[in-house]
Amino acid sequence: GSARQDEVMARVWPTLKKTAIDYAV
């Protein structure tokens, strides 16, 4: 919701681990 939203999403999202909510939580 801030002016940094798109920049942070583009930078951080590709680095996130792929896993299912069943295993993670």
PDBML (XML) file of the C-alpha atoms, coordinates in Angstrom:
<?xml version="1.0" encoding="UTF-8" ?>
<PDBx:datablock datablockName="MODEL"
   xmlns:PDBx="http://pdbml.pdb.org/schema/pdbx-v50.xsd"
   xmlns:xsi="http://www.w3.org/2001/XMLSchema-instance"
   xsi:schemaLocation="http://pdbml.pdb.org/schema/pdbx-v50.xsd pdbx-v50.xsd">
   <PDBx:atom_siteCategory>
      <PDBx:atom_site id="1">
         <PDBx:B_iso_or_equiv>0.00</PDBx:B_iso_or_equiv>
         <PDBx:Cartn_x>0.000</PDBx:Cartn_x>
         <PDBx:Cartn_y>0.000</PDBx:Cartn_y>
         <PDBx:Cartn_z>0.000</PDBx:Cartn_z>
         <PDBx:auth_asym_id>A</PDBx:auth_asym_id>
         <PDBx:auth_atom_id>CA</PDBx:auth_atom_id>
         <PDBx:auth_comp_id>GLY</PDBx:auth_comp_id>
         <PDBx:auth_seq_id>1</PDBx:auth_seq_id>
         <PDBx:group_PDB>ATOM</PDBx:group_PDB>
         <PDBx:label_alt_id xsi:nil="true" />
         <PDBx:label_asym_id>A</PDBx:label_asym_id>
         <PDBx:label_atom_id>CA</PDBx:label_atom_id>
         <PDBx:label_comp_id>GLY</PDBx:label_comp_id>
         <PDBx:label_entity_id>1</PDBx:label_entity_id>
         <PDBx:label_seq_id>1</PDBx:label_seq_id>
         <PDBx:occupancy>1.00</PDBx:occupancy>
         <PDBx:pdbx_PDB_model_num>1</PDBx:pdbx_PDB_model_num>
         <PDBx:type_symbol>C</PDBx:type_symbol>
      </PDBx:atom_site>
      <PDBx:atom_site id="2">
         <PDBx:B_iso_or_equiv>0.00</PDBx:B_iso_or_equiv>
         <PDBx:Cartn_x>3.038</PDBx:Cartn_x>
         <PDBx:Cartn_y>2.302</PDBx:Cartn_y>
         <PDBx:Cartn_z>0.014</PDBx:Cartn_z>
         <PDBx:auth_asym_id>A</PDBx:auth_asym_id>
         <PDBx:auth_atom_id>CA</PDBx:auth_atom_id>
         <PDBx:auth_comp_id>SER</PDBx:auth_comp_id>
         <PDBx:auth_seq_id>2</PDBx:auth_seq_id>
         <PDBx:group_PDB>ATOM</PDBx:group_PDB>
         <PDBx:label_alt_id xsi:nil="true" />
         <PDBx:label_asym_id>A</PDBx:label_asym_id>
         <PDBx:label_atom_id>CA</PDBx:label_atom_id>
         <PDBx:label_comp_id>SER</PDBx:label_comp_id>
         <PDBx:label_entity_id>1</PDBx:label_entity_id>
         <PDBx:label_seq_id>2</PDBx:label_seq_id>
         <PDBx:occupancy>1.00</PDBx:occupancy>
         <PDBx:pdbx_PDB_model_num>1</PDBx:pdbx_PDB_model_num>
         <PDBx:type_symbol>C</PDBx:type_symbol>
      </PDBx:atom_site>
      <PDBx:atom_site id="3">
         <PDBx:B_iso_or_equiv>0.00</PDBx:B_iso_or_equiv>
         <PDBx:Cartn_x>5.095</PDBx:Cartn_x>
         <PDBx:Cartn_y>3.773</PDBx:Cartn_y>
         <PDBx:Cartn_z>-2.829</PDBx:Cartn_z>
         <PDBx:auth_asym_id>A</PDBx:auth_asym_id>
         <PDBx:auth_atom_id>CA</PDBx:auth_atom_id>
         <PDBx:auth_comp_id>ALA</PDBx:auth_comp_id>
         <PDBx:auth_seq_id>3</PDBx:auth_seq_id>
         <PDBx:group_PDB>ATOM</PDBx:group_PDB>
         <PDBx:label_alt_id xsi:nil="true" />
         <PDBx:label_asym_id>A</PDBx:label_asym_id>
         <PDBx:label_atom_id>CA</PDBx:label_atom_id>
         <PDBx:label_comp_id>ALA</PDBx:label_comp_id>
         <PDBx:label_entity_id>1</PDBx:label_entity_id>
         <PDBx:label_seq_id>3</PDBx:label_seq_id>
         <PDBx:occupancy>1.00</PDBx:occupancy>
         <PDBx:pdbx_PDB_model_num>1</PDBx:pdbx_PDB_model_num>
         <PDBx:type_symbol>C</PDBx:type_symbol>
      </PDBx:atom_site>
      <PDBx:atom_site id="4">
         <PDBx:B_iso_or_equiv>0.00</PDBx:B_iso_or_equiv>
         <PDBx:Cartn_x>7.628</PDBx:Cartn_x>
         <PDBx:Cartn_y>0.964</PDBx:Cartn_y>
         <PDBx:Cartn_z>-2.251</PDBx:Cartn_z>
         <PDBx:auth_asym_id>A</PDBx:auth_asym_id>
         <PDBx:auth_atom_id>CA</PDBx:auth_atom_id>
         <PDBx:auth_comp_id>ARG</PDBx:auth_comp_id>
         <PDBx:auth_seq_id>4</PDBx:auth_seq_id>
         <PDBx:group_PDB>ATOM</PDBx:group_PDB>
         <PDBx:label_alt_id xsi:nil="true" />
         <PDBx:label_asym_id>A</PDBx:label_asym_id>
         <PDBx:label_atom_id>CA</PDBx:label_atom_id>
         <PDBx:label_comp_id>ARG</PDBx:label_comp_id>
         <PDBx:label_entity_id>1</PDBx:label_entity_id>
         <PDBx:label_seq_id>4</PDBx:label_seq_id>
         <PDBx:occupancy>1.00</PDBx:occupancy>
         <PDBx:pdbx_PDB_model_num>1</PDBx:pdbx_PDB_model_num>
         <PDBx:type_symbol>C</PDBx:type_symbol>
      </PDBx:atom_site>
      <PDBx:atom_site id="5">
         <PDBx:B_iso_or_equiv>0.00</PDBx:B_iso_or_equiv>
         <PDBx:Cartn_x>5.135</PDBx:Cartn_x>
         <PDBx:Cartn_y>-1.896</PDBx:Cartn_y>
         <PDBx:Cartn_z>-2.766</PDBx:Cartn_z>
         <PDBx:auth_asym_id>A</PDBx:auth_asym_id>
         <PDBx:auth_atom_id>CA</PDBx:auth_atom_id>
         <PDBx:auth_comp_id>GLN</PDBx:auth_comp_id>
         <PDBx:auth_seq_id>5</PDBx:auth_seq_id>
         <PDBx:group_PDB>ATOM</PDBx:group_PDB>
         <PDBx:label_alt_id xsi:nil="true" />
         <PDBx:label_asym_id>A</PDBx:label_asym_id>
         <PDBx:label_atom_id>CA</PDBx:label_atom_id>
         <PDBx:label_comp_id>GLN</PDBx:label_comp_id>
         <PDBx:label_entity_id>1</PDBx:label_entity_id>
         <PDBx:label_seq_id>5</PDBx:label_seq_id>
         <PDBx:occupancy>1.00</PDBx:occupancy>
         <PDBx:pdbx_PDB_model_num>1</PDBx:pdbx_PDB_model_num>
         <PDBx:type_symbol>C</PDBx:type_symbol>
      </PDBx:atom_site>
      <PDBx:atom_site id="6">
         <PDBx:B_iso_or_equiv>0.00</PDBx:B_iso_or_equiv>
         <PDBx:Cartn_x>6.041</PDBx:Cartn_x>
         <PDBx:Cartn_y>-2.775</PDBx:Cartn_y>
         <PDBx:Cartn_z>-6.354</PDBx:Cartn_z>
         <PDBx:auth_asym_id>A</PDBx:auth_asym_id>
         <PDBx:auth_atom_id>CA</PDBx:auth_atom_id>
         <PDBx:auth_comp_id>ASP</PDBx:auth_comp_id>
         <PDBx:auth_seq_id>6</PDBx:auth_seq_id>
         <PDBx:group_PDB>ATOM</PDBx:group_PDB>
         <PDBx:label_alt_id xsi:nil="true" />
         <PDBx:label_asym_id>A</PDBx:label_asym_id>
         <PDBx:label_atom_id>CA</PDBx:label_atom_id>
         <PDBx:label_comp_id>ASP</PDBx:label_comp_id>
         <PDBx:label_entity_id>1</PDBx:label_entity_id>
         <PDBx:label_seq_id>6</PDBx:label_seq_id>
         <PDBx:occupancy>1.00</PDBx:occupancy>
         <PDBx:pdbx_PDB_model_num>1</PDBx:pdbx_PDB_model_num>
         <PDBx:type_symbol>C</PDBx:type_symbol>
      </PDBx:atom_site>
      <PDBx:atom_site id="7">
         <PDBx:B_iso_or_equiv>0.00</PDBx:B_iso_or_equiv>
         <PDBx:Cartn_x>9.785</PDBx:Cartn_x>
         <PDBx:Cartn_y>-2.455</PDBx:Cartn_y>
         <PDBx:Cartn_z>-5.816</PDBx:Cartn_z>
         <PDBx:auth_asym_id>A</PDBx:auth_asym_id>
         <PDBx:auth_atom_id>CA</PDBx:auth_atom_id>
         <PDBx:auth_comp_id>GLU</PDBx:auth_comp_id>
         <PDBx:auth_seq_id>7</PDBx:auth_seq_id>
         <PDBx:group_PDB>ATOM</PDBx:group_PDB>
         <PDBx:label_alt_id xsi:nil="true" />
         <PDBx:label_asym_id>A</PDBx:label_asym_id>
         <PDBx:label_atom_id>CA</PDBx:label_atom_id>
         <PDBx:label_comp_id>GLU</PDBx:label_comp_id>
         <PDBx:label_entity_id>1</PDBx:label_entity_id>
         <PDBx:label_seq_id>7</PDBx:label_seq_id>
         <PDBx:occupancy>1.00</PDBx:occupancy>
         <PDBx:pdbx_PDB_model_num>1</PDBx:pdbx_PDB_model_num>
         <PDBx:type_symbol>C</PDBx:type_symbol>
      </PDBx:atom_site>
      <PDBx:atom_site id="8">
         <PDBx:B_iso_or_equiv>0.00</PDBx:B_iso_or_equiv>
         <PDBx:Cartn_x>9.781</PDBx:Cartn_x>
         <PDBx:Cartn_y>-4.657</PDBx:Cartn_y>
         <PDBx:Cartn_z>-2.706</PDBx:Cartn_z>
         <PDBx:auth_asym_id>A</PDBx:auth_asym_id>
         <PDBx:auth_atom_id>CA</PDBx:auth_atom_id>
         <PDBx:auth_comp_id>VAL</PDBx:auth_comp_id>
         <PDBx:auth_seq_id>8</PDBx:auth_seq_id>
         <PDBx:group_PDB>ATOM</PDBx:group_PDB>
         <PDBx:label_alt_id xsi:nil="true" />
         <PDBx:label_asym_id>A</PDBx:label_asym_id>
         <PDBx:label_atom_id>CA</PDBx:label_atom_id>
         <PDBx:label_comp_id>VAL</PDBx:label_comp_id>
         <PDBx:label_entity_id>1</PDBx:label_entity_id>
         <PDBx:label_seq_id>8</PDBx:label_seq_id>
         <PDBx:occupancy>1.00</PDBx:occupancy>
         <PDBx:pdbx_PDB_model_num>1</PDBx:pdbx_PDB_model_num>
         <PDBx:type_symbol>C</PDBx:type_symbol>
      </PDBx:atom_site>
      <PDBx:atom_site id="9">
         <PDBx:B_iso_or_equiv>0.00</PDBx:B_iso_or_equiv>
         <PDBx:Cartn_x>7.483</PDBx:Cartn_x>
         <PDBx:Cartn_y>-7.255</PDBx:Cartn_y>
         <PDBx:Cartn_z>-4.312</PDBx:Cartn_z>
         <PDBx:auth_asym_id>A</PDBx:auth_asym_id>
         <PDBx:auth_atom_id>CA</PDBx:auth_atom_id>
         <PDBx:auth_comp_id>MET</PDBx:auth_comp_id>
         <PDBx:auth_seq_id>9</PDBx:auth_seq_id>
         <PDBx:group_PDB>ATOM</PDBx:group_PDB>
         <PDBx:label_alt_id xsi:nil="true" />
         <PDBx:label_asym_id>A</PDBx:label_asym_id>
         <PDBx:label_atom_id>CA</PDBx:label_atom_id>
         <PDBx:label_comp_id>MET</PDBx:label_comp_id>
         <PDBx:label_entity_id>1</PDBx:label_entity_id>
         <PDBx:label_seq_id>9</PDBx:label_seq_id>
         <PDBx:occupancy>1.00</PDBx:occupancy>
         <PDBx:pdbx_PDB_model_num>1</PDBx:pdbx_PDB_model_num>
         <PDBx:type_symbol>C</PDBx:type_symbol>
      </PDBx:atom_site>
      <PDBx:atom_site id="10">
         <PDBx:B_iso_or_equiv>0.00</PDBx:B_iso_or_equiv>
         <PDBx:Cartn_x>9.678</PDBx:Cartn_x>
         <PDBx:Cartn_y>-7.475</PDBx:Cartn_y>
         <PDBx:Cartn_z>-7.434</PDBx:Cartn_z>
         <PDBx:auth_asym_id>A</PDBx:auth_asym_id>
         <PDBx:auth_atom_id>CA</PDBx:auth_atom_id>
         <PDBx:auth_comp_id>ALA</PDBx:auth_comp_id>
         <PDBx:auth_seq_id>10</PDBx:auth_seq_id>
         <PDBx:group_PDB>ATOM</PDBx:group_PDB>
         <PDBx:label_alt_id xsi:nil="true" />
         <PDBx:label_asym_id>A</PDBx:label_asym_id>
         <PDBx:label_atom_id>CA</PDBx:label_atom_id>
         <PDBx:label_comp_id>ALA</PDBx:label_comp_id>
         <PDBx:label_entity_id>1</PDBx:label_entity_id>
         <PDBx:label_seq_id>10</PDBx:label_seq_id>
         <PDBx:occupancy>1.00</PDBx:occupancy>
         <PDBx:pdbx_PDB_model_num>1</PDBx:pdbx_PDB_model_num>
         <PDBx:type_symbol>C</PDBx:type_symbol>
      </PDBx:atom_site>
      <PDBx:atom_site id="11">
         <PDBx:B_iso_or_equiv>0.00</PDBx:B_iso_or_equiv>
         <PDBx:Cartn_x>12.838</PDBx:Cartn_x>
         <PDBx:Cartn_y>-7.839</PDBx:Cartn_y>
         <PDBx:Cartn_z>-5.338</PDBx:Cartn_z>
         <PDBx:auth_asym_id>A</PDBx:auth_asym_id>
         <PDBx:auth_atom_id>CA</PDBx:auth_atom_id>
         <PDBx:auth_comp_id>ARG</PDBx:auth_comp_id>
         <PDBx:auth_seq_id>11</PDBx:auth_seq_id>
         <PDBx:group_PDB>ATOM</PDBx:group_PDB>
         <PDBx:label_alt_id xsi:nil="true" />
         <PDBx:label_asym_id>A</PDBx:label_asym_id>
         <PDBx:label_atom_id>CA</PDBx:label_atom_id>
         <PDBx:label_comp_id>ARG</PDBx:label_comp_id>
         <PDBx:label_entity_id>1</PDBx:label_entity_id>
         <PDBx:label_seq_id>11</PDBx:label_seq_id>
         <PDBx:occupancy>1.00</PDBx:occupancy>
         <PDBx:pdbx_PDB_model_num>1</PDBx:pdbx_PDB_model_num>
         <PDBx:type_symbol>C</PDBx:type_symbol>
      </PDBx:atom_site>
      <PDBx:atom_site id="12">
         <PDBx:B_iso_or_equiv>0.00</PDBx:B_iso_or_equiv>
         <PDBx:Cartn_x>11.662</PDBx:Cartn_x>
         <PDBx:Cartn_y>-10.216</PDBx:Cartn_y>
         <PDBx:Cartn_z>-2.609</PDBx:Cartn_z>
         <PDBx:auth_asym_id>A</PDBx:auth_asym_id>
         <PDBx:auth_atom_id>CA</PDBx:auth_atom_id>
         <PDBx:auth_comp_id>VAL</PDBx:auth_comp_id>
         <PDBx:auth_seq_id>12</PDBx:auth_seq_id>
         <PDBx:group_PDB>ATOM</PDBx:group_PDB>
         <PDBx:label_alt_id xsi:nil="true" />
         <PDBx:label_asym_id>A</PDBx:label_asym_id>
         <PDBx:label_atom_id>CA</PDBx:label_atom_id>
         <PDBx:label_comp_id>VAL</PDBx:label_comp_id>
         <PDBx:label_entity_id>1</PDBx:label_entity_id>
         <PDBx:label_seq_id>12</PDBx:label_seq_id>
         <PDBx:occupancy>1.00</PDBx:occupancy>
         <PDBx:pdbx_PDB_model_num>1</PDBx:pdbx_PDB_model_num>
         <PDBx:type_symbol>C</PDBx:type_symbol>
      </PDBx:atom_site>
      <PDBx:atom_site id="13">
         <PDBx:B_iso_or_equiv>0.00</PDBx:B_iso_or_equiv>
         <PDBx:Cartn_x>9.040</PDBx:Cartn_x>
         <PDBx:Cartn_y>-12.470</PDBx:Cartn_y>
         <PDBx:Cartn_z>-4.229</PDBx:Cartn_z>
         <PDBx:auth_asym_id>A</PDBx:auth_asym_id>
         <PDBx:auth_atom_id>CA</PDBx:auth_atom_id>
         <PDBx:auth_comp_id>TRP</PDBx:auth_comp_id>
         <PDBx:auth_seq_id>13</PDBx:auth_seq_id>
         <PDBx:group_PDB>ATOM</PDBx:group_PDB>
         <PDBx:label_alt_id xsi:nil="true" />
         <PDBx:label_asym_id>A</PDBx:label_asym_id>
         <PDBx:label_atom_id>CA</PDBx:label_atom_id>
         <PDBx:label_comp_id>TRP</PDBx:label_comp_id>
         <PDBx:label_entity_id>1</PDBx:label_entity_id>
         <PDBx:label_seq_id>13</PDBx:label_seq_id>
         <PDBx:occupancy>1.00</PDBx:occupancy>
         <PDBx:pdbx_PDB_model_num>1</PDBx:pdbx_PDB_model_num>
         <PDBx:type_symbol>C</PDBx:type_symbol>
      </PDBx:atom_site>
      <PDBx:atom_site id="14">
         <PDBx:B_iso_or_equiv>0.00</PDBx:B_iso_or_equiv>
         <PDBx:Cartn_x>11.452</PDBx:Cartn_x>
         <PDBx:Cartn_y>-14.320</PDBx:Cartn_y>
         <PDBx:Cartn_z>-6.602</PDBx:Cartn_z>
         <PDBx:auth_asym_id>A</PDBx:auth_asym_id>
         <PDBx:auth_atom_id>CA</PDBx:auth_atom_id>
         <PDBx:auth_comp_id>PRO</PDBx:auth_comp_id>
         <PDBx:auth_seq_id>14</PDBx:auth_seq_id>
         <PDBx:group_PDB>ATOM</PDBx:group_PDB>
         <PDBx:label_alt_id xsi:nil="true" />
         <PDBx:label_asym_id>A</PDBx:label_asym_id>
         <PDBx:label_atom_id>CA</PDBx:label_atom_id>
         <PDBx:label_comp_id>PRO</PDBx:label_comp_id>
         <PDBx:label_entity_id>1</PDBx:label_entity_id>
         <PDBx:label_seq_id>14</PDBx:label_seq_id>
         <PDBx:occupancy>1.00</PDBx:occupancy>
         <PDBx:pdbx_PDB_model_num>1</PDBx:pdbx_PDB_model_num>
         <PDBx:type_symbol>C</PDBx:type_symbol>
      </PDBx:atom_site>
      <PDBx:atom_site id="15">
         <PDBx:B_iso_or_equiv>0.00</PDBx:B_iso_or_equiv>
         <PDBx:Cartn_x>13.629</PDBx:Cartn_x>
         <PDBx:Cartn_y>-15.283</PDBx:Cartn_y>
         <PDBx:Cartn_z>-3.617</PDBx:Cartn_z>
         <PDBx:auth_asym_id>A</PDBx:auth_asym_id>
         <PDBx:auth_atom_id>CA</PDBx:auth_atom_id>
         <PDBx:auth_comp_id>THR</PDBx:auth_comp_id>
         <PDBx:auth_seq_id>15</PDBx:auth_seq_id>
         <PDBx:group_PDB>ATOM</PDBx:group_PDB>
         <PDBx:label_alt_id xsi:nil="true" />
         <PDBx:label_asym_id>A</PDBx:label_asym_id>
         <PDBx:label_atom_id>CA</PDBx:label_atom_id>
         <PDBx:label_comp_id>THR</PDBx:label_comp_id>
         <PDBx:label_entity_id>1</PDBx:label_entity_id>
         <PDBx:label_seq_id>15</PDBx:label_seq_id>
         <PDBx:occupancy>1.00</PDBx:occupancy>
         <PDBx:pdbx_PDB_model_num>1</PDBx:pdbx_PDB_model_num>
         <PDBx:type_symbol>C</PDBx:type_symbol>
      </PDBx:atom_site>
      <PDBx:atom_site id="16">
         <PDBx:B_iso_or_equiv>0.00</PDBx:B_iso_or_equiv>
         <PDBx:Cartn_x>10.820</PDBx:Cartn_x>
         <PDBx:Cartn_y>-16.969</PDBx:Cartn_y>
         <PDBx:Cartn_z>-1.661</PDBx:Cartn_z>
         <PDBx:auth_asym_id>A</PDBx:auth_asym_id>
         <PDBx:auth_atom_id>CA</PDBx:auth_atom_id>
         <PDBx:auth_comp_id>LEU</PDBx:auth_comp_id>
         <PDBx:auth_seq_id>16</PDBx:auth_seq_id>
         <PDBx:group_PDB>ATOM</PDBx:group_PDB>
         <PDBx:label_alt_id xsi:nil="true" />
         <PDBx:label_asym_id>A</PDBx:label_asym_id>
         <PDBx:label_atom_id>CA</PDBx:label_atom_id>
         <PDBx:label_comp_id>LEU</PDBx:label_comp_id>
         <PDBx:label_entity_id>1</PDBx:label_entity_id>
         <PDBx:label_seq_id>16</PDBx:label_seq_id>
         <PDBx:occupancy>1.00</PDBx:occupancy>
         <PDBx:pdbx_PDB_model_num>1</PDBx:pdbx_PDB_model_num>
         <PDBx:type_symbol>C</PDBx:type_symbol>
      </PDBx:atom_site>
      <PDBx:atom_site id="17">
         <PDBx:B_iso_or_equiv>0.00</PDBx:B_iso_or_equiv>
         <PDBx:Cartn_x>10.749</PDBx:Cartn_x>
         <PDBx:Cartn_y>-20.721</PDBx:Cartn_y>
         <PDBx:Cartn_z>-1.120</PDBx:Cartn_z>
         <PDBx:auth_asym_id>A</PDBx:auth_asym_id>
         <PDBx:auth_atom_id>CA</PDBx:auth_atom_id>
         <PDBx:auth_comp_id>LYS</PDBx:auth_comp_id>
         <PDBx:auth_seq_id>17</PDBx:auth_seq_id>
         <PDBx:group_PDB>ATOM</PDBx:group_PDB>
         <PDBx:label_alt_id xsi:nil="true" />
         <PDBx:label_asym_id>A</PDBx:label_asym_id>
         <PDBx:label_atom_id>CA</PDBx:label_atom_id>
         <PDBx:label_comp_id>LYS</PDBx:label_comp_id>
         <PDBx:label_entity_id>1</PDBx:label_entity_id>
         <PDBx:label_seq_id>17</PDBx:label_seq_id>
         <PDBx:occupancy>1.00</PDBx:occupancy>
         <PDBx:pdbx_PDB_model_num>1</PDBx:pdbx_PDB_model_num>
         <PDBx:type_symbol>C</PDBx:type_symbol>
      </PDBx:atom_site>
      <PDBx:atom_site id="18">
         <PDBx:B_iso_or_equiv>0.00</PDBx:B_iso_or_equiv>
         <PDBx:Cartn_x>8.141</PDBx:Cartn_x>
         <PDBx:Cartn_y>-22.793</PDBx:Cartn_y>
         <PDBx:Cartn_z>-2.951</PDBx:Cartn_z>
         <PDBx:auth_asym_id>A</PDBx:auth_asym_id>
         <PDBx:auth_atom_id>CA</PDBx:auth_atom_id>
         <PDBx:auth_comp_id>LYS</PDBx:auth_comp_id>
         <PDBx:auth_seq_id>18</PDBx:auth_seq_id>
         <PDBx:group_PDB>ATOM</PDBx:group_PDB>
         <PDBx:label_alt_id xsi:nil="true" />
         <PDBx:label_asym_id>A</PDBx:label_asym_id>
         <PDBx:label_atom_id>CA</PDBx:label_atom_id>
         <PDBx:label_comp_id>LYS</PDBx:label_comp_id>
         <PDBx:label_entity_id>1</PDBx:label_entity_id>
         <PDBx:label_seq_id>18</PDBx:label_seq_id>
         <PDBx:occupancy>1.00</PDBx:occupancy>
         <PDBx:pdbx_PDB_model_num>1</PDBx:pdbx_PDB_model_num>
         <PDBx:type_symbol>C</PDBx:type_symbol>
      </PDBx:atom_site>
      <PDBx:atom_site id="19">
         <PDBx:B_iso_or_equiv>0.00</PDBx:B_iso_or_equiv>
         <PDBx:Cartn_x>6.280</PDBx:Cartn_x>
         <PDBx:Cartn_y>-24.963</PDBx:Cartn_y>
         <PDBx:Cartn_z>-0.458</PDBx:Cartn_z>
         <PDBx:auth_asym_id>A</PDBx:auth_asym_id>
         <PDBx:auth_atom_id>CA</PDBx:auth_atom_id>
         <PDBx:auth_comp_id>THR</PDBx:auth_comp_id>
         <PDBx:auth_seq_id>19</PDBx:auth_seq_id>
         <PDBx:group_PDB>ATOM</PDBx:group_PDB>
         <PDBx:label_alt_id xsi:nil="true" />
         <PDBx:label_asym_id>A</PDBx:label_asym_id>
         <PDBx:label_atom_id>CA</PDBx:label_atom_id>
         <PDBx:label_comp_id>THR</PDBx:label_comp_id>
         <PDBx:label_entity_id>1</PDBx:label_entity_id>
         <PDBx:label_seq_id>19</PDBx:label_seq_id>
         <PDBx:occupancy>1.00</PDBx:occupancy>
         <PDBx:pdbx_PDB_model_num>1</PDBx:pdbx_PDB_model_num>
         <PDBx:type_symbol>C</PDBx:type_symbol>
      </PDBx:atom_site>
      <PDBx:atom_site id="20">
         <PDBx:B_iso_or_equiv>0.00</PDBx:B_iso_or_equiv>
         <PDBx:Cartn_x>2.725</PDBx:Cartn_x>
         <PDBx:Cartn_y>-25.904</PDBx:Cartn_y>
         <PDBx:Cartn_z>0.421</PDBx:Cartn_z>
         <PDBx:auth_asym_id>A</PDBx:auth_asym_id>
         <PDBx:auth_atom_id>CA</PDBx:auth_atom_id>
         <PDBx:auth_comp_id>ALA</PDBx:auth_comp_id>
         <PDBx:auth_seq_id>20</PDBx:auth_seq_id>
         <PDBx:group_PDB>ATOM</PDBx:group_PDB>
         <PDBx:label_alt_id xsi:nil="true" />
         <PDBx:label_asym_id>A</PDBx:label_asym_id>
         <PDBx:label_atom_id>CA</PDBx:label_atom_id>
         <PDBx:label_comp_id>ALA</PDBx:label_comp_id>
         <PDBx:label_entity_id>1</PDBx:label_entity_id>
         <PDBx:label_seq_id>20</PDBx:label_seq_id>
         <PDBx:occupancy>1.00</PDBx:occupancy>
         <PDBx:pdbx_PDB_model_num>1</PDBx:pdbx_PDB_model_num>
         <PDBx:type_symbol>C</PDBx:type_symbol>
      </PDBx:atom_site>
      <PDBx:atom_site id="21">
         <PDBx:B_iso_or_equiv>0.00</PDBx:B_iso_or_equiv>
         <PDBx:Cartn_x>0.853</PDBx:Cartn_x>
         <PDBx:Cartn_y>-24.439</PDBx:Cartn_y>
         <PDBx:Cartn_z>3.380</PDBx:Cartn_z>
         <PDBx:auth_asym_id>A</PDBx:auth_asym_id>
         <PDBx:auth_atom_id>CA</PDBx:auth_atom_id>
         <PDBx:auth_comp_id>ILE</PDBx:auth_comp_id>
         <PDBx:auth_seq_id>21</PDBx:auth_seq_id>
         <PDBx:group_PDB>ATOM</PDBx:group_PDB>
         <PDBx:label_alt_id xsi:nil="true" />
         <PDBx:label_asym_id>A</PDBx:label_asym_id>
         <PDBx:label_atom_id>CA</PDBx:label_atom_id>
         <PDBx:label_comp_id>ILE</PDBx:label_comp_id>
         <PDBx:label_entity_id>1</PDBx:label_entity_id>
         <PDBx:label_seq_id>21</PDBx:label_seq_id>
         <PDBx:occupancy>1.00</PDBx:occupancy>
         <PDBx:pdbx_PDB_model_num>1</PDBx:pdbx_PDB_model_num>
         <PDBx:type_symbol>C</PDBx:type_symbol>
      </PDBx:atom_site>
      <PDBx:atom_site id="22">
         <PDBx:B_iso_or_equiv>0.00</PDBx:B_iso_or_equiv>
         <PDBx:Cartn_x>0.297</PDBx:Cartn_x>
         <PDBx:Cartn_y>-28.010</PDBx:Cartn_y>
         <PDBx:Cartn_z>4.609</PDBx:Cartn_z>
         <PDBx:auth_asym_id>A</PDBx:auth_asym_id>
         <PDBx:auth_atom_id>CA</PDBx:auth_atom_id>
         <PDBx:auth_comp_id>ASP</PDBx:auth_comp_id>
         <PDBx:auth_seq_id>22</PDBx:auth_seq_id>
         <PDBx:group_PDB>ATOM</PDBx:group_PDB>
         <PDBx:label_alt_id xsi:nil="true" />
         <PDBx:label_asym_id>A</PDBx:label_asym_id>
         <PDBx:label_atom_id>CA</PDBx:label_atom_id>
         <PDBx:label_comp_id>ASP</PDBx:label_comp_id>
         <PDBx:label_entity_id>1</PDBx:label_entity_id>
         <PDBx:label_seq_id>22</PDBx:label_seq_id>
         <PDBx:occupancy>1.00</PDBx:occupancy>
         <PDBx:pdbx_PDB_model_num>1</PDBx:pdbx_PDB_model_num>
         <PDBx:type_symbol>C</PDBx:type_symbol>
      </PDBx:atom_site>
      <PDBx:atom_site id="23">
         <PDBx:B_iso_or_equiv>0.00</PDBx:B_iso_or_equiv>
         <PDBx:Cartn_x>4.040</PDBx:Cartn_x>
         <PDBx:Cartn_y>-28.556</PDBx:Cartn_y>
         <PDBx:Cartn_z>5.112</PDBx:Cartn_z>
         <PDBx:auth_asym_id>A</PDBx:auth_asym_id>
         <PDBx:auth_atom_id>CA</PDBx:auth_atom_id>
         <PDBx:auth_comp_id>TYR</PDBx:auth_comp_id>
         <PDBx:auth_seq_id>23</PDBx:auth_seq_id>
         <PDBx:group_PDB>ATOM</PDBx:group_PDB>
         <PDBx:label_alt_id xsi:nil="true" />
         <PDBx:label_asym_id>A</PDBx:label_asym_id>
         <PDBx:label_atom_id>CA</PDBx:label_atom_id>
         <PDBx:label_comp_id>TYR</PDBx:label_comp_id>
         <PDBx:label_entity_id>1</PDBx:label_entity_id>
         <PDBx:label_seq_id>23</PDBx:label_seq_id>
         <PDBx:occupancy>1.00</PDBx:occupancy>
         <PDBx:pdbx_PDB_model_num>1</PDBx:pdbx_PDB_model_num>
         <PDBx:type_symbol>C</PDBx:type_symbol>
      </PDBx:atom_site>
      <PDBx:atom_site id="24">
         <PDBx:B_iso_or_equiv>0.00</PDBx:B_iso_or_equiv>
         <PDBx:Cartn_x>4.908</PDBx:Cartn_x>
         <PDBx:Cartn_y>-25.027</PDBx:Cartn_y>
         <PDBx:Cartn_z>6.229</PDBx:Cartn_z>
         <PDBx:auth_asym_id>A</PDBx:auth_asym_id>
         <PDBx:auth_atom_id>CA</PDBx:auth_atom_id>
         <PDBx:auth_comp_id>ALA</PDBx:auth_comp_id>
         <PDBx:auth_seq_id>24</PDBx:auth_seq_id>
         <PDBx:group_PDB>ATOM</PDBx:group_PDB>
         <PDBx:label_alt_id xsi:nil="true" />
         <PDBx:label_asym_id>A</PDBx:label_asym_id>
         <PDBx:label_atom_id>CA</PDBx:label_atom_id>
         <PDBx:label_comp_id>ALA</PDBx:label_comp_id>
         <PDBx:label_entity_id>1</PDBx:label_entity_id>
         <PDBx:label_seq_id>24</PDBx:label_seq_id>
         <PDBx:occupancy>1.00</PDBx:occupancy>
         <PDBx:pdbx_PDB_model_num>1</PDBx:pdbx_PDB_model_num>
         <PDBx:type_symbol>C</PDBx:type_symbol>
      </PDBx:atom_site>
      <PDBx:atom_site id="25">
         <PDBx:B_iso_or_equiv>0.00</PDBx:B_iso_or_equiv>
         <PDBx:Cartn_x>2.082</PDBx:Cartn_x>
         <PDBx:Cartn_y>-24.546</PDBx:Cartn_y>
         <PDBx:Cartn_z>8.735</PDBx:Cartn_z>
         <PDBx:auth_asym_id>A</PDBx:auth_asym_id>
         <PDBx:auth_atom_id>CA</PDBx:auth_atom_id>
         <PDBx:auth_comp_id>VAL</PDBx:auth_comp_id>
         <PDBx:auth_seq_id>25</PDBx:auth_seq_id>
         <PDBx:group_PDB>ATOM</PDBx:group_PDB>
         <PDBx:label_alt_id xsi:nil="true" />
         <PDBx:label_asym_id>A</PDBx:label_asym_id>
         <PDBx:label_atom_id>CA</PDBx:label_atom_id>
         <PDBx:label_comp_id>VAL</PDBx:label_comp_id>
         <PDBx:label_entity_id>1</PDBx:label_entity_id>
         <PDBx:label_seq_id>25</PDBx:label_seq_id>
         <PDBx:occupancy>1.00</PDBx:occupancy>
         <PDBx:pdbx_PDB_model_num>1</PDBx:pdbx_PDB_model_num>
         <PDBx:type_symbol>C</PDBx:type_symbol>
      </PDBx:atom_site>
   </PDBx:atom_siteCategory>
</PDBx:datablock>
